[in-house]
N, C-alpha and C. Protein backbone atom coordinates (compact mmCIF):
# COMPACT_ATOMS: atom_id res chain seq x y z
N MET A 1 42.60 -4.99 -10.65
CA MET A 1 41.72 -4.43 -11.65
C MET A 1 40.33 -5.09 -11.59
N VAL A 2 40.30 -6.40 -11.43
CA VAL A 2 39.03 -7.11 -11.37
C VAL A 2 38.20 -6.70 -10.15
N PRO A 3 38.79 -6.55 -8.96
CA PRO A 3 37.98 -6.09 -7.82
C PRO A 3 37.40 -4.69 -8.04
N LEU A 4 38.14 -3.82 -8.71
CA LEU A 4 37.65 -2.48 -8.99
C LEU A 4 36.44 -2.54 -9.93
N LEU A 5 36.52 -3.36 -10.96
CA LEU A 5 35.40 -3.51 -11.89
C LEU A 5 34.19 -4.16 -11.20
N ALA A 6 34.44 -5.11 -10.34
CA ALA A 6 33.35 -5.76 -9.61
C ALA A 6 32.67 -4.77 -8.68
N ALA A 7 33.44 -3.95 -7.99
CA ALA A 7 32.86 -2.95 -7.09
C ALA A 7 32.05 -1.92 -7.87
N THR A 8 32.54 -1.53 -9.04
CA THR A 8 31.81 -0.59 -9.88
C THR A 8 30.49 -1.19 -10.35
N LEU A 9 30.52 -2.44 -10.76
CA LEU A 9 29.31 -3.11 -11.22
C LEU A 9 28.29 -3.26 -10.10
N ILE A 10 28.74 -3.64 -8.93
CA ILE A 10 27.84 -3.77 -7.77
C ILE A 10 27.28 -2.41 -7.38
N GLY A 11 28.11 -1.38 -7.38
CA GLY A 11 27.65 -0.04 -7.06
C GLY A 11 26.62 0.48 -8.05
N THR A 12 26.85 0.23 -9.33
CA THR A 12 25.89 0.64 -10.36
C THR A 12 24.58 -0.09 -10.21
N GLY A 13 24.63 -1.38 -9.95
CA GLY A 13 23.41 -2.15 -9.73
C GLY A 13 22.63 -1.67 -8.53
N TRP A 14 23.34 -1.32 -7.48
CA TRP A 14 22.68 -0.80 -6.27
C TRP A 14 22.02 0.54 -6.55
N MET A 15 22.68 1.43 -7.29
CA MET A 15 22.11 2.74 -7.61
C MET A 15 20.88 2.59 -8.52
N LEU A 16 20.92 1.67 -9.47
CA LEU A 16 19.76 1.44 -10.33
C LEU A 16 18.59 0.89 -9.53
N TRP A 17 18.87 0.06 -8.53
CA TRP A 17 17.82 -0.51 -7.70
C TRP A 17 17.12 0.58 -6.89
N LEU A 18 17.82 1.63 -6.54
CA LEU A 18 17.26 2.71 -5.74
C LEU A 18 16.41 3.69 -6.56
N LEU A 19 16.48 3.64 -7.87
CA LEU A 19 15.69 4.56 -8.69
C LEU A 19 14.20 4.29 -8.50
N PRO A 20 13.39 5.33 -8.51
CA PRO A 20 11.97 5.18 -8.16
C PRO A 20 11.06 4.75 -9.30
N PHE A 21 11.53 4.01 -10.27
CA PHE A 21 10.68 3.62 -11.38
C PHE A 21 9.56 2.71 -10.91
N GLY A 22 8.33 3.06 -11.27
CA GLY A 22 7.17 2.24 -10.96
C GLY A 22 6.60 2.41 -9.59
N ARG A 23 7.08 3.38 -8.81
CA ARG A 23 6.60 3.53 -7.45
C ARG A 23 5.83 4.82 -7.20
N CYS A 24 5.87 5.77 -8.11
CA CYS A 24 5.19 7.05 -7.86
C CYS A 24 3.95 7.16 -8.74
N PRO A 25 2.87 7.74 -8.24
CA PRO A 25 1.63 7.83 -9.03
C PRO A 25 1.65 8.97 -10.04
N GLN A 26 2.62 9.86 -10.01
CA GLN A 26 2.59 11.03 -10.87
C GLN A 26 3.40 10.90 -12.16
N CYS A 27 4.41 10.09 -12.21
CA CYS A 27 5.29 10.07 -13.38
C CYS A 27 4.60 9.41 -14.58
N ASP A 28 5.10 9.72 -15.75
CA ASP A 28 4.50 9.23 -16.99
C ASP A 28 4.55 7.72 -17.10
N GLN A 29 5.63 7.12 -16.65
CA GLN A 29 5.76 5.67 -16.73
C GLN A 29 4.70 4.98 -15.87
N CYS A 30 4.49 5.47 -14.67
CA CYS A 30 3.50 4.86 -13.77
C CYS A 30 2.09 5.06 -14.30
N GLN A 31 1.79 6.23 -14.84
CA GLN A 31 0.48 6.48 -15.41
C GLN A 31 0.23 5.59 -16.62
N ALA A 32 1.24 5.42 -17.47
CA ALA A 32 1.10 4.56 -18.64
C ALA A 32 0.89 3.10 -18.22
N GLU A 33 1.60 2.67 -17.18
CA GLU A 33 1.43 1.31 -16.69
C GLU A 33 0.03 1.10 -16.10
N LYS A 34 -0.48 2.11 -15.40
CA LYS A 34 -1.82 2.03 -14.83
C LYS A 34 -2.88 1.94 -15.92
N VAL A 35 -2.73 2.76 -16.97
CA VAL A 35 -3.68 2.73 -18.08
C VAL A 35 -3.63 1.39 -18.80
N ALA A 36 -2.43 0.85 -19.00
CA ALA A 36 -2.29 -0.44 -19.67
C ALA A 36 -2.94 -1.55 -18.84
N THR A 37 -2.78 -1.50 -17.52
CA THR A 37 -3.39 -2.50 -16.64
C THR A 37 -4.91 -2.41 -16.70
N GLU A 38 -5.44 -1.19 -16.65
CA GLU A 38 -6.89 -1.02 -16.73
C GLU A 38 -7.43 -1.50 -18.07
N ARG A 39 -6.70 -1.22 -19.15
CA ARG A 39 -7.13 -1.66 -20.48
C ARG A 39 -7.14 -3.19 -20.56
N ALA A 40 -6.12 -3.83 -20.00
CA ALA A 40 -6.06 -5.29 -20.01
C ALA A 40 -7.20 -5.89 -19.18
N GLU A 41 -7.50 -5.27 -18.01
CA GLU A 41 -8.61 -5.76 -17.20
C GLU A 41 -9.94 -5.62 -17.93
N ALA A 42 -10.12 -4.52 -18.65
CA ALA A 42 -11.36 -4.31 -19.38
C ALA A 42 -11.50 -5.33 -20.51
N GLN A 43 -10.40 -5.65 -21.20
CA GLN A 43 -10.45 -6.63 -22.27
C GLN A 43 -10.79 -8.01 -21.73
N VAL A 44 -10.20 -8.39 -20.62
CA VAL A 44 -10.49 -9.69 -20.01
C VAL A 44 -11.94 -9.73 -19.53
N SER A 45 -12.41 -8.63 -18.96
CA SER A 45 -13.79 -8.57 -18.48
C SER A 45 -14.78 -8.72 -19.62
N ARG A 46 -14.50 -8.06 -20.73
CA ARG A 46 -15.39 -8.21 -21.90
C ARG A 46 -15.33 -9.63 -22.45
N LEU A 47 -14.14 -10.21 -22.42
CA LEU A 47 -13.97 -11.57 -22.92
C LEU A 47 -14.81 -12.56 -22.12
N TYR A 48 -14.84 -12.40 -20.80
CA TYR A 48 -15.59 -13.30 -19.94
C TYR A 48 -17.03 -12.86 -19.72
N GLY A 49 -17.43 -11.75 -20.33
CA GLY A 49 -18.82 -11.32 -20.25
C GLY A 49 -19.21 -10.63 -18.96
N ILE A 50 -18.26 -10.05 -18.25
CA ILE A 50 -18.58 -9.32 -17.03
C ILE A 50 -19.13 -7.96 -17.44
N PRO A 51 -20.33 -7.62 -17.00
CA PRO A 51 -20.95 -6.37 -17.47
C PRO A 51 -20.29 -5.12 -16.90
N LEU A 52 -20.53 -4.02 -17.59
CA LEU A 52 -20.04 -2.73 -17.14
C LEU A 52 -20.96 -2.20 -16.05
N CYS A 53 -20.39 -1.80 -14.92
CA CYS A 53 -21.16 -1.31 -13.78
C CYS A 53 -21.69 0.10 -14.09
N PRO A 54 -22.98 0.34 -13.95
CA PRO A 54 -23.50 1.68 -14.22
C PRO A 54 -23.11 2.69 -13.14
N ALA A 55 -22.77 2.24 -11.95
CA ALA A 55 -22.45 3.16 -10.86
C ALA A 55 -21.03 3.72 -10.98
N CYS A 56 -20.06 2.87 -11.30
CA CYS A 56 -18.68 3.34 -11.33
C CYS A 56 -18.06 3.33 -12.72
N GLY A 57 -18.70 2.68 -13.69
CA GLY A 57 -18.18 2.66 -15.05
C GLY A 57 -17.04 1.70 -15.29
N ARG A 58 -16.88 0.72 -14.41
CA ARG A 58 -15.82 -0.28 -14.56
C ARG A 58 -16.44 -1.66 -14.67
N HIS A 59 -15.65 -2.61 -15.11
CA HIS A 59 -16.09 -4.00 -15.18
C HIS A 59 -15.74 -4.69 -13.88
N HIS A 60 -16.73 -5.19 -13.17
CA HIS A 60 -16.48 -6.02 -12.00
C HIS A 60 -17.72 -6.84 -11.72
N GLY A 61 -17.52 -7.94 -11.03
CA GLY A 61 -18.64 -8.81 -10.71
C GLY A 61 -19.55 -8.22 -9.65
N ARG A 62 -20.72 -8.77 -9.51
CA ARG A 62 -21.68 -8.25 -8.53
C ARG A 62 -21.21 -8.42 -7.10
N GLU A 63 -20.42 -9.48 -6.85
CA GLU A 63 -19.96 -9.73 -5.49
C GLU A 63 -18.82 -8.81 -5.08
N GLU A 64 -18.17 -8.15 -6.03
CA GLU A 64 -17.07 -7.26 -5.73
C GLU A 64 -17.62 -5.86 -5.43
N GLY A 65 -16.97 -5.17 -4.52
CA GLY A 65 -17.35 -3.80 -4.21
C GLY A 65 -16.78 -2.83 -5.23
N HIS A 66 -17.11 -1.57 -5.07
CA HIS A 66 -16.59 -0.55 -5.97
C HIS A 66 -15.18 -0.18 -5.54
N TRP A 67 -14.31 0.05 -6.52
CA TRP A 67 -12.90 0.30 -6.25
C TRP A 67 -12.61 1.78 -6.03
N ARG A 68 -13.52 2.66 -6.33
CA ARG A 68 -13.27 4.09 -6.19
C ARG A 68 -13.73 4.60 -4.88
């Protein structure tokens, strides 16, 4: 009985590992994560006084290139 339960648990873990969460650019979860990351970067940039770039509309230093 224990080997059967162990095999089921390992199989379930393997199947969950194969799910595409966080890897596709189109799904709602990935888009929400991208927006949250951009929001956090903007807050940190404002905190450290990095100005908003007039060319691309993002916060980045002068030595960094444009990301778009």
